[in-house]
């Protein structure tokens, strides 16, 4: 059987070596498609693949149509909105993610950007500290839990909103459960976004929520750009000159926002949350192990489609 690793943004060489060892030790063949520049290259390469490992690469109905032998797709990372789950199910393909492998890397970036924001982008003026400040975590998954751990190290007061996570799980992490999205934004000077982009969440964070944040509020987004209502964000920033927005996902209106609000907004040049050597290796090798488990034993513990 052939396992294809298709990555526009390649894994680190050490991660590829680890993936190769896992795949070849199981008796399978590994093929690499790195830094491809046209979708046709992916369509050609996937045609004979039994398994596919990706990062942020798009797997849509066209890719699945081309992949006649495909049995499993593993997204090396937590988010999987780059995969058409319904089309995968229709093609009889299992889709998995690798939850938790990138979570510490993303959580550390949250605080890299947060410290930069409260220190006024290091422009030489007096900033503020994080100790004793409030931070609300919007979704308490693996990344959110790491954010909570690090926030407590800064001496912050931590709360979280996640209707899919029991209160006792949140409380066991030393975090206060919140049950209303308005309460989360109104009562926390810092809000860290970790919600996925779904039909329910797209455009859900906008003017009504951002404008009720406390004075000096900072919204940190390492989730998805689609969850932000960009027009609402701009309106809130316009009316509230004390608020800042920092993101690991460049918004569609990035140039306009930067021109209007200057150092009150910051965007990484490309999504960098998982761009650490450790996360790269962890997610890649986890993906390889999950491929082997599925092909050899039918194990689909991390399946995300029905």
Protein backbone atom coordinates (compact mmCIF):
# COMPACT_ATOMS: atom_id res chain seq x y z
CA UNK A 1 0.00 0.00 0.00
CA UNK A 2 1.10 3.55 -0.71
CA UNK A 3 0.98 6.43 1.74
CA UNK A 4 1.20 9.91 0.21
CA UNK A 5 2.41 12.89 2.24
CA UNK A 6 1.15 15.94 0.35
CA UNK A 7 2.27 19.23 1.87
CA UNK A 8 2.43 22.65 0.26
CA UNK A 9 4.23 23.68 3.46
CA UNK A 10 6.49 20.65 4.06
CA UNK A 11 7.19 18.98 7.36
CA UNK A 12 10.66 19.50 8.78
CA UNK A 13 13.19 17.00 7.48
CA UNK A 14 13.41 15.27 10.86
CA UNK A 15 9.63 14.87 10.88
CA UNK A 16 9.70 13.36 7.38
CA UNK A 17 12.37 10.91 8.55
CA UNK A 18 10.15 9.90 11.45
CA UNK A 19 7.10 9.51 9.21
CA UNK A 20 9.12 7.40 6.76
CA UNK A 21 10.33 5.09 9.51
CA UNK A 22 6.79 4.51 10.85
CA UNK A 23 5.35 3.87 7.38
CA UNK A 24 8.17 1.69 6.04
CA UNK A 25 8.52 -0.31 9.27
CA UNK A 26 4.86 -1.26 8.76
CA UNK A 27 5.69 -2.54 5.28
CA UNK A 28 4.08 0.31 3.33
CA UNK A 29 5.53 2.63 0.68
CA UNK A 30 5.94 6.35 1.32
CA UNK A 31 5.66 8.97 -1.41
CA UNK A 32 6.30 12.70 -0.88
CA UNK A 33 4.68 15.61 -2.68
CA UNK A 34 6.19 18.75 -1.18
CA UNK A 35 5.91 22.43 -2.11
CA UNK A 36 3.53 21.65 -4.96
CA UNK A 37 2.30 24.73 -6.80
CA UNK A 38 -0.73 23.46 -8.70
CA UNK A 39 -3.70 21.32 -7.69
CA UNK A 40 -3.14 19.10 -10.73
CA UNK A 41 0.04 17.84 -9.09
CA UNK A 42 -1.95 16.70 -6.06
CA UNK A 43 -4.61 15.09 -8.25
CA UNK A 44 -1.97 13.10 -10.10
CA UNK A 45 -0.11 12.02 -6.98
CA UNK A 46 -3.19 10.96 -5.01
CA UNK A 47 -4.55 8.77 -7.82
CA UNK A 48 -2.70 5.67 -6.59
CA UNK A 49 -2.55 6.46 -2.86
CA UNK A 50 -4.19 4.27 -0.22
CA UNK A 51 -3.61 6.84 2.52
CA UNK A 52 -2.99 10.58 2.57
CA UNK A 53 -1.25 12.73 5.18
CA UNK A 54 -1.76 16.50 4.87
CA UNK A 55 -1.28 19.71 6.80
CA UNK A 56 -3.34 22.72 5.65
CA UNK A 57 -3.76 21.25 2.18
CA UNK A 58 -7.30 21.20 0.76
CA UNK A 59 -8.94 17.83 0.20
CA UNK A 60 -12.21 18.45 -1.61
CA UNK A 61 -14.54 16.38 -3.79
CA UNK A 62 -12.24 16.78 -6.80
CA UNK A 63 -9.29 15.33 -4.89
CA UNK A 64 -11.42 12.49 -3.56
CA UNK A 65 -12.76 11.73 -7.05
CA UNK A 66 -9.18 11.38 -8.26
CA UNK A 67 -8.15 9.14 -5.35
CA UNK A 68 -9.72 5.85 -6.41
CA UNK A 69 -7.81 3.75 -3.86
CA UNK A 70 -7.93 6.17 -0.94
CA UNK A 71 -9.03 4.75 2.39
CA UNK A 72 -7.91 7.30 4.97
CA UNK A 73 -6.87 10.98 5.19
CA UNK A 74 -5.06 12.20 8.29
CA UNK A 75 -4.75 15.91 8.87
CA UNK A 76 -1.57 16.53 10.90
CA UNK A 77 -3.09 19.03 13.29
CA UNK A 78 -6.29 19.67 15.19
CA UNK A 79 -8.36 21.66 12.70
CA UNK A 80 -9.82 19.85 9.70
CA UNK A 81 -12.00 22.40 7.92
CA UNK A 82 -9.69 22.05 4.90
CA UNK A 83 -11.21 18.59 4.29
CA UNK A 84 -14.68 18.12 2.80
CA UNK A 85 -16.02 15.64 5.35
CA UNK A 86 -19.29 14.97 3.57
CA UNK A 87 -17.50 14.18 0.31
CA UNK A 88 -15.06 11.93 2.17
CA UNK A 89 -17.91 10.02 3.75
CA UNK A 90 -19.61 9.68 0.36
CA UNK A 91 -16.37 8.22 -1.02
CA UNK A 92 -16.01 5.81 1.92
CA UNK A 93 -12.87 7.56 3.15
CA UNK A 94 -12.07 7.90 6.86
CA UNK A 95 -10.83 11.37 7.91
CA UNK A 96 -8.81 11.81 11.10
CA UNK A 97 -6.99 14.63 12.83
CA UNK A 98 -4.18 14.56 15.41
CA UNK A 99 -5.59 16.48 18.37
CA UNK A 100 -3.20 17.80 20.96
CA UNK A 101 0.01 17.48 18.97
CA UNK A 102 0.20 21.21 18.13
CA UNK A 103 -1.63 22.53 21.16
CA UNK A 104 1.31 23.75 23.25
CA UNK A 105 2.88 25.48 20.25
CA UNK A 106 -0.33 27.38 19.52
CA UNK A 107 -0.84 28.25 23.19
CA UNK A 108 2.67 29.66 23.48
CA UNK A 109 2.04 31.84 20.43
CA UNK A 110 -1.09 33.19 22.14
CA UNK A 111 1.13 34.63 24.84
CA UNK A 112 3.86 35.72 22.46
CA UNK A 113 1.30 37.97 20.76
CA UNK A 114 -0.43 38.94 24.00
CA UNK A 115 2.75 40.16 25.66
CA UNK A 116 3.61 42.10 22.51
CA UNK A 117 0.17 43.73 22.56
CA UNK A 118 0.29 44.82 26.20
CA UNK A 119 3.82 46.14 25.75
CA UNK A 120 2.55 48.35 22.90
CA UNK A 121 4.30 46.37 20.19
CA UNK A 122 7.62 47.17 21.90
CA UNK A 123 7.47 50.79 20.72
CA UNK A 124 9.31 52.12 23.75
CA UNK A 125 6.27 53.37 25.68
CA UNK A 126 5.05 52.05 29.03
CA UNK A 127 2.82 49.02 28.73
CA UNK A 128 1.09 46.80 31.26
CA UNK A 129 1.53 43.40 32.88
CA UNK A 130 -0.55 40.23 32.67
CA UNK A 131 -0.42 39.37 36.38
CA UNK A 132 -3.85 39.58 38.06
CA UNK A 133 -5.59 40.35 34.76
CA UNK A 134 -8.57 38.35 33.50
CA UNK A 135 -8.42 36.06 30.49
CA UNK A 136 -11.38 34.24 28.97
CA UNK A 137 -10.84 31.17 26.82
CA UNK A 138 -13.42 30.74 24.07
CA UNK A 139 -13.49 26.91 23.68
CA UNK A 140 -11.71 24.64 26.14
CA UNK A 141 -10.14 22.02 23.90
CA UNK A 142 -6.50 20.97 23.90
CA UNK A 143 -5.20 24.42 22.92
CA UNK A 144 -7.52 26.17 25.36
CA UNK A 145 -6.32 23.96 28.19
CA UNK A 146 -2.70 24.78 27.44
CA UNK A 147 -3.59 28.48 27.32
CA UNK A 148 -5.12 28.11 30.79
CA UNK A 149 -1.98 26.40 32.11
CA UNK A 150 0.30 29.13 30.80
CA UNK A 151 -2.05 31.92 31.91
CA UNK A 152 -1.95 30.65 35.48
CA UNK A 153 1.83 30.78 35.28
CA UNK A 154 1.50 34.49 34.54
CA UNK A 155 -0.76 34.82 37.60
CA UNK A 156 -3.87 35.58 35.56
CA UNK A 157 -7.48 34.90 36.54
CA UNK A 158 -8.78 32.36 34.03
CA UNK A 159 -12.30 31.53 32.89
CA UNK A 160 -13.58 29.53 29.93
CA UNK A 161 -16.69 29.03 27.83
CA UNK A 162 -17.31 25.68 26.17
CA UNK A 163 -20.85 24.26 26.00
CA UNK A 164 -19.39 20.90 24.93
CA UNK A 165 -17.07 20.59 27.93
CA UNK A 166 -18.49 19.68 31.38
CA UNK A 167 -18.04 22.29 34.11
CA UNK A 168 -16.18 19.81 36.29
CA UNK A 169 -13.51 19.32 33.62
CA UNK A 170 -12.98 23.08 33.42
CA UNK A 171 -12.96 23.41 37.20
CA UNK A 172 -10.44 20.55 37.58
CA UNK A 173 -8.04 22.69 35.51
CA UNK A 174 -8.44 25.51 38.03
CA UNK A 175 -10.55 27.52 35.61
CA UNK A 176 -13.93 29.19 36.16
CA UNK A 177 -16.69 27.95 33.81
CA UNK A 178 -18.65 30.64 31.95
CA UNK A 179 -22.06 29.87 30.45
CA UNK A 180 -22.74 32.91 28.28
CA UNK A 181 -20.65 34.26 25.41
CA UNK A 182 -21.62 37.82 26.41
CA UNK A 183 -20.38 37.18 29.95
CA UNK A 184 -17.08 35.84 28.62
CA UNK A 185 -16.37 38.98 26.60
CA UNK A 186 -17.80 41.48 29.08
CA UNK A 187 -15.81 40.19 32.06
CA UNK A 188 -12.40 39.44 30.54
CA UNK A 189 -9.78 41.96 29.50
CA UNK A 190 -8.21 39.28 27.31
CA UNK A 191 -10.17 36.78 25.24
CA UNK A 192 -8.38 33.94 23.44
CA UNK A 193 -10.31 32.38 20.55
CA UNK A 194 -10.15 28.63 19.93
CA UNK A 195 -13.49 27.86 18.27
CA UNK A 196 -13.56 25.98 14.94
CA UNK A 197 -15.03 27.47 11.78
CA UNK A 198 -18.46 25.88 11.46
CA UNK A 199 -21.83 27.01 10.14
CA UNK A 200 -22.64 28.06 13.71
CA UNK A 201 -19.43 29.99 14.42
CA UNK A 202 -18.56 31.71 11.12
CA UNK A 203 -18.80 35.47 11.62
CA UNK A 204 -19.97 34.97 15.21
CA UNK A 205 -17.37 37.22 16.83
CA UNK A 206 -18.06 40.78 15.81
CA UNK A 207 -19.15 44.18 17.02
CA UNK A 208 -21.64 43.06 19.68
CA UNK A 209 -19.05 40.99 21.53
CA UNK A 210 -15.84 42.95 20.92
CA UNK A 211 -17.43 46.27 21.87
CA UNK A 212 -18.41 45.04 25.36
CA UNK A 213 -14.88 44.00 26.32
CA UNK A 214 -13.38 45.85 29.32
CA UNK A 215 -11.21 48.93 28.84
CA UNK A 216 -7.89 47.98 27.27
CA UNK A 217 -9.30 44.72 25.97
CA UNK A 218 -7.25 42.46 23.69
CA UNK A 219 -8.80 39.82 21.44
CA UNK A 220 -6.37 37.06 20.44
CA UNK A 221 -7.25 34.77 17.53
CA UNK A 222 -5.20 31.66 16.82
CA UNK A 223 -8.25 29.76 15.57
CA UNK A 224 -9.72 30.62 12.15
CA UNK A 225 -10.21 33.95 10.36
CA UNK A 226 -13.72 32.90 9.35
CA UNK A 227 -15.06 33.15 12.92
CA UNK A 228 -14.51 36.93 12.87
CA UNK A 229 -17.07 39.35 11.44
CA UNK A 230 -14.45 41.69 9.97
CA UNK A 231 -16.84 44.61 9.44
CA UNK A 232 -17.95 44.30 13.05
CA UNK A 233 -14.34 44.10 14.22
CA UNK A 234 -13.51 47.31 12.34
CA UNK A 235 -16.53 49.09 13.80
CA UNK A 236 -15.59 48.05 17.34
CA UNK A 237 -11.97 49.13 16.87
CA UNK A 238 -13.18 52.46 15.46
CA UNK A 239 -15.48 53.16 18.40
CA UNK A 240 -13.16 51.72 21.05
CA UNK A 241 -9.62 53.11 20.56
CA UNK A 242 -8.50 51.19 23.68
CA UNK A 243 -9.11 47.75 22.13
CA UNK A 244 -6.52 45.67 20.24
CA UNK A 245 -6.78 42.65 17.96
CA UNK A 246 -3.91 40.23 17.35
CA UNK A 247 -4.22 37.16 15.16
CA UNK A 248 -2.32 34.23 13.76
CA UNK A 249 -4.69 34.33 10.80
CA UNK A 250 -4.44 37.26 8.42
CA UNK A 251 -7.97 38.60 7.82
CA UNK A 252 -9.26 39.30 4.33
CA UNK A 253 -9.29 43.02 5.19
CA UNK A 254 -5.80 42.99 6.75
CA UNK A 255 -4.42 45.89 4.70
CA UNK A 256 -7.42 48.10 5.46
CA UNK A 257 -7.36 47.26 9.16
CA UNK A 258 -3.62 47.93 9.39
CA UNK A 259 -4.00 51.26 7.56
CA UNK A 260 -6.84 52.37 9.84
CA UNK A 261 -5.67 51.07 13.20
CA UNK A 262 -1.90 50.75 12.97
CA UNK A 263 -0.25 49.06 15.94
CA UNK A 264 -3.62 48.24 17.52
CA UNK A 265 -3.78 45.26 15.18
CA UNK A 266 -1.19 42.61 14.41
CA UNK A 267 -1.26 39.61 12.07
CA UNK A 268 1.40 37.00 11.49
CA UNK A 269 2.40 36.83 7.80
CA UNK A 270 1.09 33.26 7.59
CA UNK A 271 -0.49 30.89 10.08
CA UNK A 272 2.33 30.07 12.48
CA UNK A 273 0.67 28.49 15.52
CA UNK A 274 1.95 25.01 14.74
CA UNK A 275 5.23 26.19 13.22
CA UNK A 276 7.62 24.83 15.79
CA UNK A 277 10.06 21.98 15.36
CA UNK A 278 8.41 20.06 18.19
CA UNK A 279 4.84 20.42 16.90
CA UNK A 280 5.95 19.62 13.37
CA UNK A 281 7.54 16.37 14.47
CA UNK A 282 4.79 15.39 16.91
CA UNK A 283 1.91 15.94 14.47
CA UNK A 284 3.64 14.28 11.53
CA UNK A 285 4.63 11.14 13.40
CA UNK A 286 1.22 10.92 15.08
CA UNK A 287 -0.39 11.10 11.64
CA UNK A 288 1.84 8.31 10.36
CA UNK A 289 1.01 6.08 13.32
CA UNK A 290 -2.72 6.69 12.83
CA UNK A 291 -2.43 5.78 9.15
CA UNK A 292 -0.74 2.51 10.05
CA UNK A 293 -3.29 1.76 12.77
CA UNK A 294 -6.11 2.28 10.29
CA UNK A 295 -4.64 0.37 7.34
CA UNK A 296 -3.42 -2.52 9.44
CA UNK A 297 -6.06 -2.85 12.16
CA UNK A 298 -8.99 -0.63 11.15
CA UNK A 299 -8.49 1.60 14.21
CA UNK A 300 -10.17 4.97 13.71
CA UNK A 301 -10.00 6.49 17.19
CA UNK A 302 -9.54 10.02 15.83
CA UNK A 303 -12.13 9.83 13.04
CA UNK A 304 -13.90 13.17 12.48
CA UNK A 305 -16.38 12.13 9.77
CA UNK A 306 -19.28 9.71 10.10
